[in-house]
């Protein structure tokens, strides 16, 4: 359910330390609008925090052409290609120059579900598999939201990719903090935030 009182997150929201931002983003809404006017959206239910002192972070070795957006202003998208296949999206945590970002790992689908299913090519999947697997990974989000590298550095306050707050609060008792998954360095660090009720 989405409230009618949606608003973009203010710039200062993204100045929080990376782990705080990863927790705060749970329950917020990511929406993509396409050139034909259609859109898809989902509520964030899983995030991972990354910072320059973290060996698992793309910014660990310093500024490169690939990770440049990660060192930009907070509230921008850092989009990269994973395993040469799908784009993954992160939210940069400010202030500028610190190489911090939050990976958006999973969403609960809200609007545009049929379009997401089409973009993911899973029209023939059984319903229980679609419900379980549509947006439960960063590469799946990239595919379902039609993300590409042109959105790298994009401000989340502007179309076509925006982050919204509709006033929903995720209680602490519904959040688990665990080690991140799919990495080998820094794998012991508790920097994955999971909204279990979602």
C-alpha atoms as a PDB file:
ATOM      1  CA  UNK A   1       0.000   0.000   0.000  1.00  0.00           C
ATOM      2  CA  UNK A   2       1.325   3.447  -0.917  1.00  0.00           C
ATOM      3  CA  UNK A   3       0.236   6.645   0.783  1.00  0.00           C
ATOM      4  CA  UNK A   4      -0.793   9.608  -1.375  1.00  0.00           C
ATOM      5  CA  UNK A   5       1.637  11.709   0.680  1.00  0.00           C
ATOM      6  CA  UNK A   6       4.774  10.607  -1.195  1.00  0.00           C
ATOM      7  CA  UNK A   7       7.669  13.036  -1.296  1.00  0.00           C
ATOM      8  CA  UNK A   8      11.280  12.908  -2.467  1.00  0.00           C
ATOM      9  CA  UNK A   9      13.935  12.542   0.193  1.00  0.00           C
ATOM     10  CA  UNK A  10      15.789  15.810   0.991  1.00  0.00           C
ATOM     11  CA  UNK A  11      19.526  16.152   0.260  1.00  0.00           C
ATOM     12  CA  UNK A  12      20.447  16.133   3.948  1.00  0.00           C
ATOM     13  CA  UNK A  13      18.842  12.703   4.335  1.00  0.00           C
ATOM     14  CA  UNK A  14      21.805  11.186   2.473  1.00  0.00           C
ATOM     15  CA  UNK A  15      24.454  12.710   4.754  1.00  0.00           C
ATOM     16  CA  UNK A  16      23.958   9.960   7.330  1.00  0.00           C
ATOM     17  CA  UNK A  17      26.740   7.428   7.829  1.00  0.00           C
ATOM     18  CA  UNK A  18      26.407   4.516   5.433  1.00  0.00           C
ATOM     19  CA  UNK A  19      25.041   1.970   7.885  1.00  0.00           C
ATOM     20  CA  UNK A  20      22.460   4.435   9.172  1.00  0.00           C
ATOM     21  CA  UNK A  21      21.380   5.200   5.613  1.00  0.00           C
ATOM     22  CA  UNK A  22      21.154   1.485   4.789  1.00  0.00           C
ATOM     23  CA  UNK A  23      18.756   1.078   7.723  1.00  0.00           C
ATOM     24  CA  UNK A  24      16.806   4.253   6.919  1.00  0.00           C
ATOM     25  CA  UNK A  25      16.182   3.231   3.307  1.00  0.00           C
ATOM     26  CA  UNK A  26      14.180   0.176   4.379  1.00  0.00           C
ATOM     27  CA  UNK A  27      10.546   0.917   3.578  1.00  0.00           C
ATOM     28  CA  UNK A  28      11.313   3.705   1.118  1.00  0.00           C
ATOM     29  CA  UNK A  29      10.029   3.482  -2.479  1.00  0.00           C
ATOM     30  CA  UNK A  30      12.120   3.210  -5.630  1.00  0.00           C
ATOM     31  CA  UNK A  31      10.262   4.174  -8.831  1.00  0.00           C
ATOM     32  CA  UNK A  32      11.328   4.062 -12.472  1.00  0.00           C
ATOM     33  CA  UNK A  33       9.400   5.941 -15.157  1.00  0.00           C
ATOM     34  CA  UNK A  34       9.839   4.911 -18.795  1.00  0.00           C
ATOM     35  CA  UNK A  35       9.735   7.034 -21.948  1.00  0.00           C
ATOM     36  CA  UNK A  36       6.232   5.764 -22.790  1.00  0.00           C
ATOM     37  CA  UNK A  37       4.912   7.125 -19.478  1.00  0.00           C
ATOM     38  CA  UNK A  38       4.603   3.748 -17.776  1.00  0.00           C
ATOM     39  CA  UNK A  39       6.345   3.130 -14.476  1.00  0.00           C
ATOM     40  CA  UNK A  40       7.332   0.444 -11.997  1.00  0.00           C
ATOM     41  CA  UNK A  41       7.921   0.781  -8.278  1.00  0.00           C
ATOM     42  CA  UNK A  42       8.869  -1.243  -5.247  1.00  0.00           C
ATOM     43  CA  UNK A  43       9.411  -0.818  -1.530  1.00  0.00           C
ATOM     44  CA  UNK A  44      12.967  -1.396  -0.328  1.00  0.00           C
ATOM     45  CA  UNK A  45      13.259  -4.421   1.949  1.00  0.00           C
ATOM     46  CA  UNK A  46      16.966  -5.288   1.793  1.00  0.00           C
ATOM     47  CA  UNK A  47      20.111  -3.129   1.630  1.00  0.00           C
ATOM     48  CA  UNK A  48      23.865  -3.440   2.115  1.00  0.00           C
ATOM     49  CA  UNK A  49      26.268  -0.740   3.310  1.00  0.00           C
ATOM     50  CA  UNK A  50      29.658  -0.081   1.676  1.00  0.00           C
ATOM     51  CA  UNK A  51      32.367   2.480   2.508  1.00  0.00           C
ATOM     52  CA  UNK A  52      35.928   3.218   1.398  1.00  0.00           C
ATOM     53  CA  UNK A  53      37.515   1.472   4.403  1.00  0.00           C
ATOM     54  CA  UNK A  54      35.616  -1.725   3.539  1.00  0.00           C
ATOM     55  CA  UNK A  55      37.570  -4.311   1.481  1.00  0.00           C
ATOM     56  CA  UNK A  56      34.335  -5.423  -0.228  1.00  0.00           C
ATOM     57  CA  UNK A  57      33.568  -1.915  -1.487  1.00  0.00           C
ATOM     58  CA  UNK A  58      34.183  -0.768  -5.052  1.00  0.00           C
ATOM     59  CA  UNK A  59      35.713   2.382  -3.541  1.00  0.00           C
ATOM     60  CA  UNK A  60      38.284   0.514  -1.413  1.00  0.00           C
ATOM     61  CA  UNK A  61      41.163   1.113  -3.834  1.00  0.00           C
ATOM     62  CA  UNK A  62      40.288   4.780  -4.342  1.00  0.00           C
ATOM     63  CA  UNK A  63      38.680   6.787  -7.110  1.00  0.00           C
ATOM     64  CA  UNK A  64      38.422   5.183 -10.568  1.00  0.00           C
ATOM     65  CA  UNK A  65      36.396   5.910 -13.670  1.00  0.00           C
ATOM     66  CA  UNK A  66      34.064   3.019 -12.809  1.00  0.00           C
ATOM     67  CA  UNK A  67      33.315   4.106  -9.217  1.00  0.00           C
ATOM     68  CA  UNK A  68      33.382   7.882  -9.786  1.00  0.00           C
ATOM     69  CA  UNK A  69      29.665   8.276  -8.957  1.00  0.00           C
ATOM     70  CA  UNK A  70      30.312   6.658  -5.574  1.00  0.00           C
ATOM     71  CA  UNK A  71      32.491   9.649  -4.662  1.00  0.00           C
ATOM     72  CA  UNK A  72      29.858  12.142  -5.809  1.00  0.00           C
ATOM     73  CA  UNK A  73      27.124  13.929  -3.869  1.00  0.00           C
ATOM     74  CA  UNK A  74      24.779  11.952  -1.647  1.00  0.00           C
ATOM     75  CA  UNK A  75      21.408  11.015  -3.070  1.00  0.00           C
ATOM     76  CA  UNK A  76      22.782  10.033  -6.484  1.00  0.00           C
ATOM     77  CA  UNK A  77      22.681   6.626  -8.119  1.00  0.00           C
ATOM     78  CA  UNK A  78      25.809   4.534  -8.460  1.00  0.00           C
ATOM     79  CA  UNK A  79      24.966   2.017 -11.189  1.00  0.00           C
ATOM     80  CA  UNK A  80      27.368  -0.710 -12.258  1.00  0.00           C
ATOM     81  CA  UNK A  81      27.235  -3.910 -14.304  1.00  0.00           C
ATOM     82  CA  UNK A  82      27.446  -7.121 -12.282  1.00  0.00           C
ATOM     83  CA  UNK A  83      29.189 -10.135 -13.842  1.00  0.00           C
ATOM     84  CA  UNK A  84      28.850  -8.472 -17.243  1.00  0.00           C
ATOM     85  CA  UNK A  85      25.096  -9.067 -17.292  1.00  0.00           C
ATOM     86  CA  UNK A  86      22.754  -6.893 -15.196  1.00  0.00           C
ATOM     87  CA  UNK A  87      22.953  -3.391 -13.776  1.00  0.00           C
ATOM     88  CA  UNK A  88      22.788  -2.971 -10.003  1.00  0.00           C
ATOM     89  CA  UNK A  89      21.813   0.275  -8.294  1.00  0.00           C
ATOM     90  CA  UNK A  90      23.241   1.886  -5.171  1.00  0.00           C
ATOM     91  CA  UNK A  91      22.349   5.070  -3.349  1.00  0.00           C
ATOM     92  CA  UNK A  92      25.413   7.245  -2.754  1.00  0.00           C
ATOM     93  CA  UNK A  93      25.865   8.428   0.829  1.00  0.00           C
ATOM     94  CA  UNK A  94      27.321  11.925   1.145  1.00  0.00           C
ATOM     95  CA  UNK A  95      29.167  14.099   1.717  1.00  0.00           C
ATOM     96  CA  UNK A  96      30.932  14.227  -1.627  1.00  0.00           C
ATOM     97  CA  UNK A  97      34.329  12.557  -1.889  1.00  0.00           C
ATOM     98  CA  UNK A  98      33.915   9.810   0.711  1.00  0.00           C
ATOM     99  CA  UNK A  99      33.220   6.810  -1.537  1.00  0.00           C
ATOM    100  CA  UNK A 100      30.197   5.527   0.379  1.00  0.00           C
ATOM    101  CA  UNK A 101      27.045   3.898  -0.987  1.00  0.00           C
ATOM    102  CA  UNK A 102      24.156   1.599  -0.114  1.00  0.00           C
ATOM    103  CA  UNK A 103      23.338  -1.282  -2.440  1.00  0.00           C
ATOM    104  CA  UNK A 104      19.593  -1.776  -2.954  1.00  0.00           C
ATOM    105  CA  UNK A 105      19.377  -5.565  -2.787  1.00  0.00           C
ATOM    106  CA  UNK A 106      15.664  -6.370  -2.780  1.00  0.00           C
ATOM    107  CA  UNK A 107      12.263  -4.760  -3.229  1.00  0.00           C
ATOM    108  CA  UNK A 108       8.668  -5.617  -2.522  1.00  0.00           C
ATOM    109  CA  UNK A 109       6.781  -4.891  -5.792  1.00  0.00           C
ATOM    110  CA  UNK A 110       4.190  -2.115  -5.613  1.00  0.00           C
ATOM    111  CA  UNK A 111       3.155  -0.903  -9.076  1.00  0.00           C
ATOM    112  CA  UNK A 112       3.819  -2.010 -12.641  1.00  0.00           C
ATOM    113  CA  UNK A 113       4.099  -5.660 -11.704  1.00  0.00           C
ATOM    114  CA  UNK A 114       3.170  -6.939 -15.165  1.00  0.00           C
ATOM    115  CA  UNK A 115       5.789  -4.716 -16.784  1.00  0.00           C
ATOM    116  CA  UNK A 116       8.409  -5.978 -14.340  1.00  0.00           C
ATOM    117  CA  UNK A 117       7.439  -9.563 -15.145  1.00  0.00           C
ATOM    118  CA  UNK A 118       7.760  -8.808 -18.856  1.00  0.00           C
ATOM    119  CA  UNK A 119      11.160  -7.132 -18.470  1.00  0.00           C
ATOM    120  CA  UNK A 120      12.389 -10.084 -16.431  1.00  0.00           C
ATOM    121  CA  UNK A 121      11.020 -12.542 -19.019  1.00  0.00           C
ATOM    122  CA  UNK A 122       9.252 -14.623 -16.397  1.00  0.00           C
ATOM    123  CA  UNK A 123       5.703 -14.591 -17.798  1.00  0.00           C
ATOM    124  CA  UNK A 124       5.573 -18.397 -17.830  1.00  0.00           C
ATOM    125  CA  UNK A 125       6.819 -18.860 -14.284  1.00  0.00           C
ATOM    126  CA  UNK A 126       4.370 -20.241 -11.701  1.00  0.00           C
ATOM    127  CA  UNK A 127       2.870 -17.530  -9.504  1.00  0.00           C
ATOM    128  CA  UNK A 128       4.613 -18.691  -6.332  1.00  0.00           C
ATOM    129  CA  UNK A 129       8.015 -18.391  -8.037  1.00  0.00           C
ATOM    130  CA  UNK A 130       7.203 -14.910  -9.346  1.00  0.00           C
ATOM    131  CA  UNK A 131       6.112 -13.814  -5.885  1.00  0.00           C
ATOM    132  CA  UNK A 132       9.280 -15.210  -4.338  1.00  0.00           C
ATOM    133  CA  UNK A 133      11.858 -14.245  -6.952  1.00  0.00           C
ATOM    134  CA  UNK A 134      10.735 -11.186  -8.930  1.00  0.00           C
ATOM    135  CA  UNK A 135      12.821  -8.569  -7.094  1.00  0.00           C
ATOM    136  CA  UNK A 136      14.885 -10.530  -4.558  1.00  0.00           C
ATOM    137  CA  UNK A 137      18.323  -9.570  -5.831  1.00  0.00           C
ATOM    138  CA  UNK A 138      20.116  -6.463  -7.144  1.00  0.00           C
ATOM    139  CA  UNK A 139      20.513  -7.851 -10.671  1.00  0.00           C
ATOM    140  CA  UNK A 140      16.822  -8.754 -10.748  1.00  0.00           C
ATOM    141  CA  UNK A 141      15.934  -5.189  -9.770  1.00  0.00           C
ATOM    142  CA  UNK A 142      18.159  -3.888 -12.546  1.00  0.00           C
ATOM    143  CA  UNK A 143      16.414  -6.091 -15.082  1.00  0.00           C
ATOM    144  CA  UNK A 144      12.863  -5.425 -13.836  1.00  0.00           C
ATOM    145  CA  UNK A 145      13.479  -1.653 -13.698  1.00  0.00           C
ATOM    146  CA  UNK A 146      15.244  -1.496 -17.069  1.00  0.00           C
ATOM    147  CA  UNK A 147      18.342   0.065 -15.529  1.00  0.00           C
ATOM    148  CA  UNK A 148      21.390   0.975 -17.590  1.00  0.00           C
ATOM    149  CA  UNK A 149      24.659   2.853 -17.145  1.00  0.00           C
ATOM    150  CA  UNK A 150      23.087   6.092 -18.379  1.00  0.00           C
ATOM    151  CA  UNK A 151      21.530   6.334 -14.906  1.00  0.00           C
ATOM    152  CA  UNK A 152      24.935   6.257 -13.207  1.00  0.00           C
ATOM    153  CA  UNK A 153      25.244   9.506 -11.218  1.00  0.00           C
ATOM    154  CA  UNK A 154      21.536  10.280 -11.610  1.00  0.00           C
ATOM    155  CA  UNK A 155      19.965  12.260  -8.714  1.00  0.00           C
ATOM    156  CA  UNK A 156      17.189  10.283  -7.022  1.00  0.00           C
ATOM    157  CA  UNK A 157      15.125  13.480  -6.713  1.00  0.00           C
ATOM    158  CA  UNK A 158      14.546  13.587 -10.475  1.00  0.00           C
ATOM    159  CA  UNK A 159      12.853  11.464 -13.129  1.00  0.00           C
ATOM    160  CA  UNK A 160      13.186   8.815 -14.436  1.00  0.00           C
ATOM    161  CA  UNK A 161      14.551   7.083 -11.300  1.00  0.00           C
ATOM    162  CA  UNK A 162      13.370   8.426  -7.954  1.00  0.00           C
ATOM    163  CA  UNK A 163      13.386   7.542  -4.279  1.00  0.00           C
ATOM    164  CA  UNK A 164      10.273   8.391  -2.277  1.00  0.00           C
ATOM    165  CA  UNK A 165       9.157   8.459   1.325  1.00  0.00           C
ATOM    166  CA  UNK A 166       5.441   7.863   1.929  1.00  0.00           C
ATOM    167  CA  UNK A 167       5.678   8.022   5.718  1.00  0.00           C
ATOM    168  CA  UNK A 168       5.870   4.283   6.383  1.00  0.00           C
ATOM    169  CA  UNK A 169       8.071   3.405   9.353  1.00  0.00           C
ATOM    170  CA  UNK A 170       9.826   0.032   9.591  1.00  0.00           C
ATOM    171  CA  UNK A 171      10.058  -1.004  13.276  1.00  0.00           C
ATOM    172  CA  UNK A 172      13.463  -2.098  14.590  1.00  0.00           C
ATOM    173  CA  UNK A 173      12.033  -5.420  15.742  1.00  0.00           C
ATOM    174  CA  UNK A 174      11.296  -6.302  12.102  1.00  0.00           C
ATOM    175  CA  UNK A 175      14.864  -5.608  10.922  1.00  0.00           C
ATOM    176  CA  UNK A 176      17.720  -8.120  10.914  1.00  0.00           C
ATOM    177  CA  UNK A 177      21.357  -7.051  10.515  1.00  0.00           C
ATOM    178  CA  UNK A 178      23.504  -9.826   9.060  1.00  0.00           C
ATOM    179  CA  UNK A 179      26.725 -10.390   7.087  1.00  0.00           C
ATOM    180  CA  UNK A 180      26.465  -9.427   3.431  1.00  0.00           C
ATOM    181  CA  UNK A 181      26.050 -12.112   0.813  1.00  0.00           C
ATOM    182  CA  UNK A 182      27.785 -12.854  -2.478  1.00  0.00           C
ATOM    183  CA  UNK A 183      31.159 -11.397  -1.414  1.00  0.00           C
ATOM    184  CA  UNK A 184      34.469 -12.859  -0.231  1.00  0.00           C
ATOM    185  CA  UNK A 185      36.201  -9.837   1.353  1.00  0.00           C
ATOM    186  CA  UNK A 186      34.694  -8.265   4.455  1.00  0.00           C
ATOM    187  CA  UNK A 187      32.167 -11.100   4.535  1.00  0.00           C
ATOM    188  CA  UNK A 188      32.128 -11.130   8.330  1.00  0.00           C
ATOM    189  CA  UNK A 189      30.947  -7.526   8.663  1.00  0.00           C
ATOM    190  CA  UNK A 190      27.332  -6.999   9.743  1.00  0.00           C
ATOM    191  CA  UNK A 191      26.279  -4.556   7.025  1.00  0.00           C
ATOM    192  CA  UNK A 192      23.226  -6.216   5.441  1.00  0.00           C
ATOM    193  CA  UNK A 193      19.848  -4.806   6.547  1.00  0.00           C
ATOM    194  CA  UNK A 194      16.827  -7.009   5.976  1.00  0.00           C
ATOM    195  CA  UNK A 195      13.197  -6.091   6.623  1.00  0.00           C
ATOM    196  CA  UNK A 196      11.871  -9.526   7.434  1.00  0.00           C
ATOM    197  CA  UNK A 197       8.169  -8.682   7.478  1.00  0.00           C
ATOM    198  CA  UNK A 198       8.313  -7.651   3.825  1.00  0.00           C
END
